[in-house]
Protein backbone atom coordinates (compact mmCIF):
# COMPACT_ATOMS: atom_id res chain seq x y z
CA UNK A 1 -26.96 -0.78 11.61
CA UNK A 2 -24.40 -2.37 13.89
CA UNK A 3 -20.83 -2.34 12.59
CA UNK A 4 -19.45 -5.82 12.26
CA UNK A 5 -16.15 -7.49 11.54
CA UNK A 6 -13.87 -5.46 13.80
CA UNK A 7 -10.89 -7.76 13.23
CA UNK A 8 -11.30 -7.61 9.45
CA UNK A 9 -11.54 -3.81 9.58
CA UNK A 10 -8.32 -3.72 11.59
CA UNK A 11 -6.58 -5.93 9.01
CA UNK A 12 -7.80 -3.60 6.25
CA UNK A 13 -6.43 -0.57 8.10
CA UNK A 14 -3.11 -2.36 8.66
CA UNK A 15 -2.78 -3.01 4.92
CA UNK A 16 -3.45 0.65 4.18
CA UNK A 17 -0.89 1.76 6.78
CA UNK A 18 1.65 -0.64 5.28
CA UNK A 19 0.95 0.93 1.89
CA UNK A 20 1.74 4.37 3.27
CA UNK A 21 4.91 3.04 4.92
CA UNK A 22 5.97 1.42 1.63
CA UNK A 23 5.56 4.76 -0.13
CA UNK A 24 7.52 6.61 2.55
CA UNK A 25 10.30 4.03 2.48
CA UNK A 26 10.46 4.30 -1.31
CA UNK A 27 10.94 8.06 -1.04
CA UNK A 28 13.54 7.54 1.69
CA UNK A 29 15.46 5.01 -0.39
CA UNK A 30 15.49 7.31 -3.41
CA UNK A 31 16.61 10.25 -1.27
CA UNK A 32 19.39 8.16 0.28
CA UNK A 33 20.64 7.07 -3.13
CA UNK A 34 20.61 10.64 -4.43
CA UNK A 35 22.36 12.06 -1.35
CA UNK A 36 24.92 9.30 -0.74
CA UNK A 37 27.99 10.10 -2.79
CA UNK A 38 30.17 7.41 -1.21
CA UNK A 39 27.95 4.41 -1.95
CA UNK A 40 26.80 5.64 -5.38
CA UNK A 41 29.48 7.89 -6.87
CA UNK A 42 28.10 8.27 -10.40
CA UNK A 43 24.67 8.74 -11.85
CA UNK A 44 25.10 5.46 -13.74
CA UNK A 45 25.37 3.68 -10.40
CA UNK A 46 22.36 5.52 -9.01
CA UNK A 47 19.87 4.96 -11.84
CA UNK A 48 19.34 1.19 -11.46
CA UNK A 49 18.84 1.53 -7.72
CA UNK A 50 16.44 4.45 -8.13
CA UNK A 51 14.53 2.55 -10.82
CA UNK A 52 14.28 -0.53 -8.63
CA UNK A 53 13.17 1.47 -5.61
CA UNK A 54 10.63 3.39 -7.67
CA UNK A 55 9.23 0.27 -9.31
CA UNK A 56 8.98 -1.88 -6.22
CA UNK A 57 7.79 1.03 -4.09
CA UNK A 58 4.95 1.96 -6.41
CA UNK A 59 3.91 -1.63 -7.07
CA UNK A 60 4.05 -2.45 -3.36
CA UNK A 61 2.08 0.64 -2.40
CA UNK A 62 -0.61 0.05 -4.99
CA UNK A 63 -0.84 -3.64 -4.11
CA UNK A 64 -1.16 -3.03 -0.37
CA UNK A 65 -3.79 -0.32 -0.88
CA UNK A 66 -5.68 -2.57 -3.30
CA UNK A 67 -5.78 -5.39 -0.76
CA UNK A 68 -7.08 -3.02 1.91
CA UNK A 69 -9.74 -1.64 -0.41
CA UNK A 70 -10.74 -5.14 -1.52
CA UNK A 71 -11.30 -6.14 2.09
CA UNK A 72 -13.46 -3.02 2.54
CA UNK A 73 -15.42 -3.96 -0.59
CA UNK A 74 -16.08 -7.47 0.72
CA UNK A 75 -17.33 -6.07 4.03
CA UNK A 76 -19.62 -3.63 2.21
CA UNK A 77 -21.00 -6.49 0.09
CA UNK A 78 -21.73 -8.50 3.22
CA UNK A 79 -23.43 -5.55 4.91
CA UNK A 80 -25.56 -4.81 1.85
CA UNK A 81 -26.50 -8.48 1.47
CA UNK A 82 -27.61 -8.65 5.09
CA UNK A 83 -29.66 -5.47 4.71
CA UNK A 84 -31.29 -6.74 1.54
CA UNK A 85 -32.20 -10.07 3.13
CA UNK A 86 -33.75 -8.25 6.10
CA UNK A 87 -35.75 -5.99 3.77
CA UNK A 88 -36.99 -8.93 1.69
CA UNK A 89 -38.05 -10.77 4.85
CA UNK A 90 -40.01 -7.71 6.01
CA UNK A 91 -41.64 -7.43 2.59
CA UNK A 92 -42.54 -11.12 2.71
CA UNK A 93 -44.26 -10.69 6.07
CA UNK A 94 -46.22 -7.69 4.77
CA UNK A 95 -47.29 -9.61 1.66
CA UNK A 96 -48.43 -12.59 3.78
CA UNK A 97 -50.55 -10.29 5.94
CA UNK A 98 -52.22 -8.75 2.90
CA UNK A 99 -53.05 -12.06 1.26
């Protein structure tokens, strides 16, 4: 079957790539906070920033991946619906010929 919706597939891939970038930036932000002694001298100063980076990074990553997967799901539903309609039309033609 012919693959359709190239632009929608590209948007789905972009959301997934953004999810990966969000995860990498979360790890980078946490590493920067842990390494930087000048900006965050004590652990008490580091913990809120690490918590915020961890929370927003994980939520952002999961959200972006979920949007990409949802777009893939909608495309699969459309493809399956088209295939089912084509099959039912073929079955209808066969049934008309037999009657």
